[in-house]
Every structure is written in structure tokens, then in C-alpha cells.
Protein backbone atom coordinates (compact mmCIF):
# COMPACT_ATOMS: atom_id res chain seq x y z
CA UNK A 1 106.15 98.02 94.90
CA UNK A 2 106.04 100.33 98.07
CA UNK A 3 104.09 99.50 101.02
CA UNK A 4 102.33 102.21 102.99
CA UNK A 5 104.99 101.71 105.67
CA UNK A 6 107.79 102.28 103.24
CA UNK A 7 106.12 105.63 102.30
CA UNK A 8 107.32 108.91 103.72
CA UNK A 9 104.95 111.88 104.19
CA UNK A 10 106.76 115.27 104.21
CA UNK A 11 106.54 118.82 103.03
CA UNK A 12 107.71 119.32 99.50
CA UNK A 13 111.30 120.41 99.31
CA UNK A 14 113.10 122.77 96.89
CA UNK A 15 114.89 119.82 95.42
CA UNK A 16 111.49 118.18 94.42
CA UNK A 17 110.45 118.39 90.79
CA UNK A 18 107.40 120.52 90.16
CA UNK A 19 107.17 118.89 86.76
CA UNK A 20 107.11 115.47 88.50
CA UNK A 21 104.37 116.75 90.85
CA UNK A 22 102.23 118.16 87.98
CA UNK A 23 102.63 114.92 86.02
CA UNK A 24 101.49 112.87 89.12
CA UNK A 25 98.47 115.07 89.42
CA UNK A 26 97.63 114.61 85.71
CA UNK A 27 97.92 110.76 86.15
CA UNK A 28 95.91 110.73 89.27
CA UNK A 29 93.09 112.89 88.12
CA UNK A 30 92.89 111.23 84.62
CA UNK A 31 90.09 108.91 85.62
CA UNK A 32 88.00 111.88 86.87
CA UNK A 33 88.81 113.57 83.56
CA UNK A 34 87.46 110.60 81.64
CA UNK A 35 84.25 110.90 83.70
CA UNK A 36 83.86 114.35 81.86
CA UNK A 37 84.97 116.24 85.04
CA UNK A 38 87.22 119.19 84.31
CA UNK A 39 89.14 119.32 87.70
CA UNK A 40 91.91 121.67 87.51
CA UNK A 41 94.48 118.91 88.30
CA UNK A 42 93.43 117.07 85.24
CA UNK A 43 95.69 119.10 83.00
CA UNK A 44 97.09 122.03 85.09
CA UNK A 45 100.20 123.88 83.82
CA UNK A 46 103.37 124.14 86.04
CA UNK A 47 102.38 127.82 86.65
CA UNK A 48 99.02 126.71 88.03
CA UNK A 49 100.63 124.03 90.12
CA UNK A 50 103.01 126.60 91.71
CA UNK A 51 100.09 129.11 92.16
CA UNK A 52 98.02 126.43 93.95
CA UNK A 53 100.89 125.82 96.28
CA UNK A 54 101.03 129.44 97.47
CA UNK A 55 99.40 130.15 100.77
CA UNK A 56 99.48 126.53 101.79
CA UNK A 57 101.71 123.58 102.64
CA UNK A 58 102.25 121.04 99.92
CA UNK A 59 102.68 117.62 101.39
CA UNK A 60 104.04 114.73 99.24
CA UNK A 61 104.27 110.94 99.79
CA UNK A 62 107.44 109.41 98.47
CA UNK A 63 108.35 105.79 98.01
CA UNK A 64 111.44 104.08 99.40
CA UNK A 65 113.48 105.51 96.43
CA UNK A 66 112.36 109.08 97.14
CA UNK A 67 109.92 109.32 94.14
CA UNK A 68 106.78 111.30 94.69
CA UNK A 69 103.82 108.98 94.47
CA UNK A 70 101.17 111.23 96.30
CA UNK A 71 100.39 114.69 97.32
CA UNK A 72 97.90 116.94 99.08
CA UNK A 73 97.63 120.66 99.86
CA UNK A 74 96.93 121.99 103.30
CA UNK A 75 95.57 125.61 103.57
CA UNK A 76 95.39 127.09 107.08
CA UNK A 77 92.17 128.30 108.49
CA UNK A 78 91.06 131.74 107.76
CA UNK A 79 92.83 131.80 104.51
CA UNK A 80 90.83 129.42 102.37
CA UNK A 81 88.23 131.69 100.74
CA UNK A 82 85.84 130.90 98.04
CA UNK A 83 82.68 129.76 99.80
CA UNK A 84 80.89 130.74 103.05
CA UNK A 85 82.16 127.63 104.83
CA UNK A 86 85.75 127.98 103.66
CA UNK A 87 85.67 131.64 104.77
CA UNK A 88 85.03 130.67 108.38
CA UNK A 89 87.92 131.49 110.56
CA UNK A 90 88.07 128.01 112.26
CA UNK A 91 88.03 126.09 108.92
CA UNK A 92 91.22 124.95 107.31
CA UNK A 93 91.11 123.33 103.93
CA UNK A 94 92.47 120.30 102.05
CA UNK A 95 92.98 120.27 98.39
CA UNK A 96 94.54 118.46 95.52
CA UNK A 97 94.70 115.04 97.09
CA UNK A 98 96.31 112.67 94.65
CA UNK A 99 98.01 109.22 94.68
CA UNK A 100 99.65 107.79 91.61
CA UNK A 101 97.30 105.18 90.21
CA UNK A 102 99.76 102.18 90.67
CA UNK A 103 99.95 103.00 94.43
CA UNK A 104 96.28 103.63 95.09
CA UNK A 105 94.33 101.39 97.40
CA UNK A 106 97.33 101.01 99.68
CA UNK A 107 96.47 103.52 102.48
CA UNK A 108 98.62 106.33 101.09
CA UNK A 109 95.73 108.73 100.54
CA UNK A 110 94.56 108.07 104.11
CA UNK A 111 98.04 108.79 105.34
CA UNK A 112 98.05 112.02 103.38
CA UNK A 113 94.70 112.97 104.75
CA UNK A 114 95.88 112.17 108.38
CA UNK A 115 98.85 114.47 107.68
CA UNK A 116 96.63 117.33 106.58
CA UNK A 117 94.26 116.80 109.44
CA UNK A 118 97.26 116.84 111.89
CA UNK A 119 98.55 120.01 110.14
CA UNK A 120 95.12 121.63 110.67
CA UNK A 121 95.01 120.67 114.37
CA UNK A 122 98.47 122.01 114.88
CA UNK A 123 97.49 125.33 113.29
CA UNK A 124 94.49 125.60 115.62
CA UNK A 125 91.68 124.80 113.20
CA UNK A 126 88.56 123.06 114.64
CA UNK A 127 87.40 121.92 111.10
CA UNK A 128 89.01 120.64 108.06
CA UNK A 129 87.17 121.10 104.82
CA UNK A 130 87.45 120.13 101.08
CA UNK A 131 85.42 120.05 97.94
CA UNK A 132 84.88 117.43 95.13
CA UNK A 133 82.40 117.04 92.29
CA UNK A 134 78.93 115.99 93.23
CA UNK A 135 79.07 113.27 90.73
CA UNK A 136 82.28 111.77 92.17
CA UNK A 137 80.30 109.61 94.57
CA UNK A 138 83.18 107.24 95.12
CA UNK A 139 85.22 110.13 96.58
CA UNK A 140 82.24 111.55 98.58
CA UNK A 141 81.74 108.04 100.09
CA UNK A 142 85.54 107.76 100.94
CA UNK A 143 85.56 111.00 102.64
CA UNK A 144 82.29 110.09 104.49
CA UNK A 145 83.93 106.98 105.91
CA UNK A 146 86.69 109.37 107.19
CA UNK A 147 83.99 111.46 109.09
CA UNK A 148 83.39 114.28 106.58
CA UNK A 149 79.81 115.53 106.21
CA UNK A 150 78.04 117.57 103.59
CA UNK A 151 78.02 121.36 104.25
CA UNK A 152 77.03 123.10 101.05
CA UNK A 153 77.31 123.23 97.19
CA UNK A 154 79.60 125.43 95.26
CA UNK A 155 79.88 126.12 91.56
CA UNK A 156 83.30 127.10 90.49
CA UNK A 157 83.92 129.32 87.62
CA UNK A 158 84.74 127.36 84.52
CA UNK A 159 83.77 123.96 86.04
CA UNK A 160 81.25 121.79 84.29
CA UNK A 161 80.08 120.28 87.50
CA UNK A 162 78.73 121.40 90.85
CA UNK A 163 80.98 120.73 93.82
CA UNK A 164 80.04 119.49 97.34
CA UNK A 165 81.74 121.11 100.29
CA UNK A 166 82.52 118.50 102.93
CA UNK A 167 83.94 119.19 106.39
CA UNK A 168 85.09 117.28 109.45
CA UNK A 169 85.31 118.41 113.06
CA UNK A 170 88.71 117.93 114.33
CA UNK A 171 89.60 116.46 117.70
CA UNK A 172 92.12 118.47 119.84
CA UNK A 173 94.65 115.50 119.45
CA UNK A 174 95.00 113.12 116.60
CA UNK A 175 93.25 109.80 116.94
CA UNK A 176 95.52 106.82 117.34
């Protein structure tokens, strides 16, 4: 099993399998699906996976063998859309954070979030925001421990749950 130190965080490359990435998302979001939450990543098609990658940077976590075991999307500020907060010019967005279930609870999600936050800082954003289901309290609590605060609610078309928009002010330099 991989340790967080043996994990590499990098941008997705053309040689990476989108099928593998979509399957990872399905596995990672399965528990949320079993909670009755119809997150897009529960069952998104390859076309939707590619579409969600447009306009952003897809980061992947790979194990020592190069296998994708985690992912997160970074969307630069001013190009997020969809809610008043996401529309703010200083707010970047994180989306589709996922870690393969056998690798969860090892700090890989935190490293992916660190990478997204670093990308937002490098792009000049002063805030990084995301959304999750209001009833996914375990995720809201985790983001809260990372410094994210509640901003507003959103009701996405086709979703059976209300989302919370969470945001975090970014320091000029990454914390060490």
C-alpha cells in the first residue's frame, strides 16, 4: 500500500486514462451515492468527465506504480460561475475531489487540496471555494478543519440535495 510520501501530485497527462479517472470517481463517490446523494461523479460518463475538465486543471495523485489514486479539479478565479460567490473575480474553485477508497484516510486528499490551494494562489486568487451537499456533514466538517467557512446555499439543477458553498481565504504564500 502507498504512503502519502510515495504519492505524487501532478497535472493529468495525455497518457493518463480518462476511463481510469472516471472509474476512480465512481468508486470514490459511491458512499455518497448510497446516502441518496446524486453527485455528478457518482456515475458520470467519460464525456462528462472530459467536459468537467475543460476550463480547469485536473490534478491527479498517483501511487509509486503510477496508478491514479486521487484527483481534484482546479478552476481559476473569474471563470467558475454558477453562484454569486463563484462569480466573484477573486474566487477560484475546487471541484471533484476524490481519493480511491483503499487510499482514503492517508492524507492524500489533504495533499490534493494543498495543491489546489497552491494553484489558486499562483493564479492570483485570494479565495478558494467549493461546494458539497448540505447533508454530507463529514465533508463539511473536514473542510471546516482546513479553514473553509460557509458562504451560501445553492440548488443545482437536477440534484436532489441542497449544496453549501464553502470558501477559504488564501494567504499570499503557502503555509508550511
